[in-house]
Amino acid sequence: MRTLILSAMLATAAILPGSAQQANAPVEASLLLPQMQLHDPWIVADEATKTYYLFNRNETAMSDDPRLGTMVYTSKDLKHWTKPKVVFALPTSGVWAKAGSWAPEVHQWKGKWYLFTTFHDEAAKLPVQGNRKPYRRGTVMAVADRVDGPYTLVDKGEPVAPKELMTLDGTLYVDRQGKPWYVYAHEWLQTTVGTIAAFPLTEDLKRAGEPRTLFKADEASWARGQLQPDGDRVWVTDGPEFFRTKTGTLLMLWSSYGERGYVQSIARSKNDEIDGPWEQLDPLVRRDSGHGMLFRRFDGQLMMVLHRPFTYALGKLYEMRDDGDEVTVVREATELDLEAYPTHPCSTKESPTGNPLPEC
């Protein structure tokens, strides 16, 4: 049934060859979110062009480009999207990385646009940790003059974090003094209990200090360790992203696993600075959802995009509210992502019909 529905939507959205609509439209935007497999979505709302840029790992089936790298979709309304194009491709020689291109995100800094995305090489072994065998994984950085690229590698593709650390999902954070920081997830494969860690950067985004742990995954009461085939139990950290509220409160979105799968959670700095300490708040969205980020629509509405479910993920959009000391989900923007089974508002109580309401 889902296939039939998507086929019907494709037919409706298609622009007929030779039509007046096609002749007047410089860019065809006929893709809808249910037609776009998205894991770790990242959206830049570019005020200069009034265009939304949605970055994701390159998928050849969508871009018709076989290279390992990052692609971008564009939209004017968050509902209709263009066919993606590759904006960054990993060089085929001269770099340590062999696979990945996970969780791309783009930040503006000093007049340039910087892409952060995670790669790995399973053949490049790191020291064994108990029953686990870590290998090289890290976030690399690329730079461009325009938000839509093309992006070129920085530092010959060496990871931003020390290469002996197995890390992922690196992000750029700028503190209230205007100083840049690099924040990342330190992998459970190397730590058992995954952490979110950070270190300061120079003005040209080079490491300027030693890594420090901000918090561990098991500090969240909702987080659950994942049992491995060898009997080990590990805790995951993913996707740190920052947001400063209208009152100056510093929040961090991050993800791990709860009782029923992946969770979009949130933490709050008690001193409104990156060094914290950090307290864990109630999750924003459950139901196997996560790796989200916040952005503002062109009308000023605060939005969140995340993926659900973890496997064969689709992009989901939420309207959000800045409450000063936290952010709150207002509603799922089902008119944009066409979600058939919305999960908010969330409740553990029964509905008036006697049926349990869905978990948030």
Protein backbone atom coordinates (compact mmCIF):
# COMPACT_ATOMS: atom_id res chain seq x y z
CA MET A 1 0.00 0.00 0.00
CA ARG A 2 2.83 2.44 0.90
CA THR A 3 4.44 1.78 -2.51
CA LEU A 4 1.19 2.56 -4.29
CA ILE A 5 0.75 5.79 -2.33
CA LEU A 6 4.28 6.93 -3.11
CA SER A 7 3.84 6.09 -6.79
CA ALA A 8 0.69 8.18 -6.89
CA MET A 9 2.48 11.11 -5.25
CA LEU A 10 5.30 10.86 -7.76
CA ALA A 11 2.87 10.92 -10.64
CA THR A 12 1.08 13.94 -9.19
CA ALA A 13 4.32 15.83 -8.55
CA ALA A 14 5.90 15.11 -11.93
CA ILE A 15 6.26 17.94 -14.47
CA LEU A 16 5.32 16.88 -17.97
CA PRO A 17 8.01 17.32 -20.64
CA GLY A 18 7.39 20.32 -22.87
CA SER A 19 4.77 21.84 -20.59
CA ALA A 20 4.52 25.57 -19.86
CA GLN A 21 5.23 24.81 -16.20
CA GLN A 22 8.52 23.15 -17.13
CA ALA A 23 9.53 26.00 -19.42
CA ASN A 24 8.98 28.60 -16.67
CA ALA A 25 10.65 26.62 -13.88
CA PRO A 26 14.47 26.82 -13.87
CA VAL A 27 14.71 24.06 -11.25
CA GLU A 28 12.35 21.10 -11.01
CA ALA A 29 11.40 20.38 -7.40
CA SER A 30 9.15 17.34 -7.55
CA LEU A 31 10.60 15.10 -4.84
CA LEU A 32 8.70 14.69 -1.57
CA LEU A 33 10.27 13.65 1.74
CA PRO A 34 8.84 10.08 1.68
CA GLN A 35 10.72 9.56 -1.61
CA MET A 36 14.06 10.59 -0.07
CA GLN A 37 15.82 8.10 2.20
CA LEU A 38 17.51 10.36 4.76
CA HIS A 39 19.84 9.43 7.59
CA ASP A 40 21.24 12.23 9.80
CA PRO A 41 19.60 15.07 7.83
CA TRP A 42 21.04 18.60 8.03
CA ILE A 43 19.22 21.70 6.76
CA VAL A 44 20.69 25.14 6.08
CA ALA A 45 18.09 27.90 5.61
CA ASP A 46 19.94 30.38 3.39
CA GLU A 47 18.40 33.84 3.81
CA ALA A 48 20.23 35.29 0.81
CA THR A 49 18.49 32.97 -1.66
CA LYS A 50 15.44 32.00 0.44
CA THR A 51 16.41 28.40 -0.22
CA TYR A 52 16.58 25.39 2.10
CA TYR A 53 19.61 23.14 1.54
CA LEU A 54 19.27 19.58 2.85
CA PHE A 55 22.61 17.77 3.11
CA ASN A 56 22.94 13.99 3.28
CA ARG A 57 25.33 11.20 2.44
CA ASN A 58 25.45 10.70 -1.32
CA GLU A 59 23.11 7.95 -2.51
CA THR A 60 23.78 6.99 -6.12
CA ALA A 61 20.16 5.93 -6.63
CA MET A 62 19.12 9.53 -5.96
CA SER A 63 21.97 11.56 -7.50
CA ASP A 64 23.08 9.23 -10.34
CA ASP A 65 26.62 9.93 -9.12
CA PRO A 66 28.62 6.90 -7.83
CA ARG A 67 31.19 8.86 -5.81
CA LEU A 68 31.58 8.59 -2.03
CA GLY A 69 30.65 11.92 -0.54
CA THR A 70 27.90 14.41 0.27
CA MET A 71 24.87 15.44 -1.77
CA VAL A 72 22.39 18.27 -1.30
CA TYR A 73 18.69 18.72 -2.08
CA THR A 74 17.15 22.19 -2.34
CA SER A 75 13.66 23.47 -1.63
CA LYS A 76 11.74 26.74 -1.41
CA ASP A 77 8.98 25.42 0.86
CA LEU A 78 10.38 22.39 2.82
CA LYS A 79 7.94 20.11 0.97
CA HIS A 80 9.04 19.99 -2.67
CA TRP A 81 12.70 19.14 -3.23
CA THR A 82 15.02 19.05 -6.23
CA LYS A 83 16.98 16.04 -7.39
CA PRO A 84 20.20 16.11 -5.34
CA LYS A 85 23.66 16.94 -6.61
CA VAL A 86 27.01 15.91 -5.18
CA VAL A 87 28.77 18.85 -3.51
CA PHE A 88 31.70 16.94 -2.02
CA ALA A 89 33.43 13.77 -3.22
CA LEU A 90 36.20 12.03 -1.28
CA PRO A 91 39.37 11.80 -3.37
CA THR A 92 40.05 8.25 -4.56
CA SER A 93 43.71 8.38 -3.54
CA GLY A 94 45.96 10.10 -1.02
CA VAL A 95 43.52 9.93 1.91
CA TRP A 96 43.21 7.51 4.81
CA ALA A 97 39.41 7.16 4.62
CA LYS A 98 37.76 4.35 2.70
CA ALA A 99 34.04 4.42 3.60
CA GLY A 100 31.36 6.31 5.48
CA SER A 101 30.51 9.90 4.54
CA TRP A 102 28.08 9.92 7.47
CA ALA A 103 26.18 12.79 9.08
CA PRO A 104 27.28 15.70 6.87
CA GLU A 105 26.61 19.14 8.30
CA VAL A 106 27.51 22.60 7.06
CA HIS A 107 28.47 25.71 9.08
CA GLN A 108 29.43 29.23 8.08
CA TRP A 109 32.63 30.61 9.60
CA LYS A 110 34.66 33.71 8.66
CA GLY A 111 33.01 34.10 5.26
CA LYS A 112 33.45 30.45 4.24
CA TRP A 113 31.23 27.38 4.44
CA TYR A 114 32.62 24.31 6.23
CA LEU A 115 31.40 20.76 5.74
CA PHE A 116 31.93 18.19 8.52
CA THR A 117 31.35 14.52 7.66
CA THR A 118 32.50 11.20 9.15
CA PHE A 119 34.59 8.52 7.41
CA HIS A 120 36.31 5.32 8.50
CA ASP A 121 38.67 2.52 7.45
CA GLU A 122 37.98 -0.86 9.03
CA ALA A 123 41.41 -2.13 7.98
CA ALA A 124 43.19 0.59 10.01
CA LYS A 125 43.08 -1.05 13.41
CA LEU A 126 43.29 0.77 16.74
CA PRO A 127 44.25 -0.90 20.06
CA VAL A 128 41.86 -3.66 21.14
CA GLN A 129 39.42 -2.75 23.92
CA GLY A 130 38.36 -5.95 25.69
CA ASN A 131 36.23 -7.92 23.23
CA ARG A 132 35.99 -5.00 20.82
CA LYS A 133 38.31 -4.13 17.95
CA PRO A 134 38.18 -0.39 17.19
CA TYR A 135 39.42 1.00 13.90
CA ARG A 136 40.04 4.46 12.45
CA ARG A 137 36.92 6.62 12.32
CA GLY A 138 36.73 10.38 12.42
CA THR A 139 35.09 13.51 11.07
CA VAL A 140 36.93 15.36 8.31
CA MET A 141 36.45 18.95 7.22
CA ALA A 142 36.00 20.48 3.76
CA VAL A 143 35.54 24.12 2.73
CA ALA A 144 33.69 26.06 0.04
CA ASP A 145 32.92 29.64 -0.93
CA ARG A 146 29.22 28.85 -1.38
CA VAL A 147 26.79 26.83 0.70
CA ASP A 148 26.14 24.52 -2.27
CA GLY A 149 29.83 23.90 -2.86
CA PRO A 150 31.87 22.49 -4.35
CA TYR A 151 33.73 21.55 -1.15
CA THR A 152 37.43 20.66 -0.99
CA LEU A 153 39.20 18.75 1.77
CA VAL A 154 41.07 20.57 4.53
CA ASP A 155 44.36 19.18 5.93
CA LYS A 156 44.46 16.42 3.31
CA GLY A 157 41.45 14.79 4.93
CA GLU A 158 42.97 14.20 8.35
CA PRO A 159 40.24 14.06 11.04
CA VAL A 160 39.66 17.09 13.23
CA ALA A 161 39.96 15.02 16.44
CA PRO A 162 43.19 13.12 17.24
CA LYS A 163 43.43 10.19 14.82
CA GLU A 164 43.99 7.66 17.62
CA LEU A 165 40.45 8.37 18.85
CA MET A 166 37.48 6.59 17.26
CA THR A 167 35.01 9.45 16.83
CA LEU A 168 32.03 10.53 14.73
CA ASP A 169 29.39 13.24 14.21
CA GLY A 170 31.73 16.19 14.71
CA THR A 171 30.13 19.64 14.85
CA LEU A 172 31.20 23.27 15.13
CA TYR A 173 30.11 25.31 18.17
CA VAL A 174 30.87 29.01 18.67
CA ASP A 175 30.73 30.24 22.27
CA ARG A 176 29.47 33.61 23.55
CA GLN A 177 32.96 35.06 23.23
CA GLY A 178 33.01 34.15 19.54
CA LYS A 179 35.53 31.33 19.99
CA PRO A 180 35.08 28.11 17.97
CA TRP A 181 34.92 24.64 19.50
CA TYR A 182 34.86 21.17 18.00
CA VAL A 183 32.34 18.81 19.62
CA TYR A 184 31.96 15.12 18.77
CA ALA A 185 30.81 11.69 19.89
CA HIS A 186 33.52 9.34 21.18
CA GLU A 187 32.57 5.87 20.01
CA TRP A 188 31.41 3.12 22.36
CA LEU A 189 33.68 0.71 20.45
CA GLN A 190 36.58 2.44 22.19
CA THR A 191 34.98 3.61 25.43
CA THR A 192 32.18 1.07 26.25
CA VAL A 193 30.08 4.01 27.47
CA GLY A 194 30.03 6.54 24.62
CA THR A 195 30.71 10.16 25.47
CA ILE A 196 30.18 13.63 24.07
CA ALA A 197 33.51 15.47 24.10
CA ALA A 198 34.94 18.80 22.96
CA PHE A 199 38.09 20.85 22.51
CA PRO A 200 38.76 24.49 21.54
CA LEU A 201 39.82 25.52 18.04
CA THR A 202 41.95 28.33 16.66
CA GLU A 203 40.50 30.98 14.35
CA ASP A 204 41.48 28.80 11.37
CA LEU A 205 39.75 25.78 12.97
CA LYS A 206 42.85 23.90 14.15
CA ARG A 207 42.91 22.04 17.46
CA ALA A 208 43.94 24.40 20.28
CA GLY A 209 43.56 22.24 23.38
CA GLU A 210 43.06 18.77 24.77
CA PRO A 211 39.72 16.94 24.51
CA ARG A 212 37.45 17.09 27.53
CA THR A 213 34.42 14.91 28.25
CA LEU A 214 31.15 16.84 28.55
CA PHE A 215 29.01 13.86 29.60
CA LYS A 216 28.57 10.11 29.21
CA ALA A 217 25.60 8.37 27.60
CA ASP A 218 24.61 6.50 30.76
CA GLU A 219 24.08 9.79 32.63
CA ALA A 220 20.67 9.98 30.93
CA SER A 221 18.09 8.05 32.96
CA TRP A 222 16.25 7.00 29.80
CA ALA A 223 19.35 5.63 28.03
CA ARG A 224 19.77 1.86 27.80
CA GLY A 225 22.91 -0.12 27.15
CA GLN A 226 22.88 -2.25 24.02
CA LEU A 227 23.74 -5.92 24.50
CA GLN A 228 26.36 -7.12 22.03
CA PRO A 229 26.69 -10.67 20.61
CA ASP A 230 29.73 -11.30 22.85
CA GLY A 231 27.74 -10.40 25.98
CA ASP A 232 29.17 -6.90 26.32
CA ARG A 233 26.77 -4.01 27.07
CA VAL A 234 27.57 -0.64 25.52
CA TRP A 235 26.05 2.87 25.46
CA VAL A 236 25.82 4.94 22.28
CA THR A 237 26.30 8.69 21.77
CA ASP A 238 25.34 10.33 18.45
CA GLY A 239 24.68 13.69 16.83
CA PRO A 240 25.57 16.54 19.23
CA GLU A 241 24.05 19.83 18.01
CA PHE A 242 23.75 23.14 19.90
CA PHE A 243 21.03 25.75 20.35
CA ARG A 244 21.03 28.88 22.49
CA THR A 245 17.56 29.93 23.60
CA LYS A 246 16.11 33.43 23.72
CA THR A 247 17.17 33.72 27.38
CA GLY A 248 20.75 32.54 26.73
CA THR A 249 20.32 28.95 27.93
CA LEU A 250 22.67 26.57 26.11
CA LEU A 251 21.04 23.32 24.95
CA MET A 252 22.48 20.31 23.16
CA LEU A 253 20.50 17.86 21.04
CA TRP A 254 21.97 14.35 21.00
CA SER A 255 20.82 10.77 20.44
CA SER A 256 21.20 7.31 21.94
CA TYR A 257 19.04 4.25 22.56
CA GLY A 258 16.15 3.92 25.01
CA GLU A 259 13.69 1.14 25.81
CA ARG A 260 12.16 1.14 22.32
CA GLY A 261 14.93 2.15 19.98
CA TYR A 262 16.64 5.35 18.95
CA VAL A 263 15.78 8.53 20.89
CA GLN A 264 16.07 12.25 20.13
CA SER A 265 17.13 13.74 23.41
CA ILE A 266 18.31 17.04 24.80
CA ALA A 267 20.72 18.22 27.49
CA ARG A 268 21.11 21.60 29.19
CA SER A 269 24.26 23.31 30.40
CA LYS A 270 23.90 24.44 34.02
CA ASN A 271 26.24 27.40 33.48
CA ASP A 272 25.18 28.13 29.86
CA GLU A 273 28.73 27.41 28.69
CA ILE A 274 30.13 24.40 26.90
CA ASP A 275 32.00 23.07 29.94
CA GLY A 276 28.73 22.62 31.82
CA PRO A 277 28.02 20.64 33.90
CA TRP A 278 25.29 19.20 31.67
CA GLU A 279 21.93 17.93 32.90
CA GLN A 280 19.82 15.49 30.90
CA LEU A 281 16.22 16.55 30.14
CA ASP A 282 13.28 14.42 29.04
CA PRO A 283 13.62 13.25 25.42
CA LEU A 284 11.99 15.32 22.69
CA VAL A 285 10.98 12.39 20.44
CA ARG A 286 11.15 8.63 20.88
CA ARG A 287 9.77 5.91 18.56
CA ASP A 288 13.13 5.05 16.94
CA SER A 289 13.77 8.70 15.97
CA GLY A 290 16.87 10.84 16.27
CA HIS A 291 19.99 12.64 15.08
CA GLY A 292 18.05 15.89 14.79
CA MET A 293 18.97 19.53 14.38
CA LEU A 294 17.18 22.86 14.80
CA PHE A 295 16.81 25.63 12.24
CA ARG A 296 14.46 28.54 11.57
CA ARG A 297 11.99 28.67 8.74
CA PHE A 298 12.02 31.89 6.70
CA ASP A 299 8.90 33.05 8.57
CA GLY A 300 10.83 32.74 11.86
CA GLN A 301 9.24 29.47 13.04
CA LEU A 302 11.71 27.26 14.91
CA MET A 303 11.88 23.80 13.28
CA MET A 304 13.53 20.45 13.95
CA VAL A 305 14.43 17.83 11.38
CA LEU A 306 15.36 14.27 12.34
CA HIS A 307 15.21 10.79 10.86
CA ARG A 308 12.82 7.95 11.63
CA PRO A 309 13.18 5.00 11.79
CA PHE A 310 16.88 4.28 12.28
CA THR A 311 16.96 1.76 9.42
CA TYR A 312 15.69 2.91 5.99
CA ALA A 313 15.15 6.30 7.57
CA LEU A 314 12.96 9.12 6.30
CA GLY A 315 13.14 12.80 7.18
CA LYS A 316 10.61 14.13 9.72
CA LEU A 317 9.86 17.79 10.44
CA TYR A 318 8.55 19.32 13.66
CA GLU A 319 7.45 22.80 14.66
CA MET A 320 9.25 23.72 17.87
CA ARG A 321 8.91 26.37 20.60
CA ASP A 322 11.71 28.20 22.39
CA ASP A 323 10.63 28.26 26.06
CA GLY A 324 13.74 30.02 27.31
CA ASP A 325 15.05 27.23 29.53
CA GLU A 326 14.32 24.45 27.01
CA VAL A 327 12.69 23.77 23.64
CA THR A 328 9.40 21.96 23.20
CA VAL A 329 7.79 20.04 20.36
CA VAL A 330 4.67 21.91 19.23
CA ARG A 331 3.53 19.48 16.55
CA GLU A 332 4.67 17.28 13.72
CA ALA A 333 4.61 19.15 10.42
CA THR A 334 2.81 16.30 8.67
CA GLU A 335 1.77 18.59 5.82
CA LEU A 336 5.48 18.74 4.92
CA ASP A 337 6.79 15.24 5.64
CA LEU A 338 3.48 13.39 4.90
CA GLU A 339 3.83 11.21 8.01
CA ALA A 340 0.87 8.84 8.10
CA TYR A 341 1.18 8.02 11.81
CA PRO A 342 2.14 11.16 13.76
CA THR A 343 3.58 10.63 17.22
CA HIS A 344 2.89 13.92 18.98
CA PRO A 345 1.37 14.91 21.33
CA CYS A 346 2.78 12.11 23.42
CA SER A 347 1.05 10.51 26.37
CA THR A 348 1.07 7.37 28.42
CA LYS A 349 -2.63 7.81 29.10
CA GLU A 350 -5.44 6.32 27.07
CA SER A 351 -7.31 8.32 24.47
CA PRO A 352 -11.07 9.02 24.77
CA THR A 353 -11.69 6.00 22.54
CA GLY A 354 -9.97 3.71 25.01
CA ASN A 355 -6.98 3.05 22.77
CA PRO A 356 -3.50 3.95 24.02
CA LEU A 357 -2.01 7.04 22.42
CA PRO A 358 1.29 6.56 20.54
CA GLU A 359 4.57 7.05 22.35
CA CYS A 360 6.16 10.43 21.54
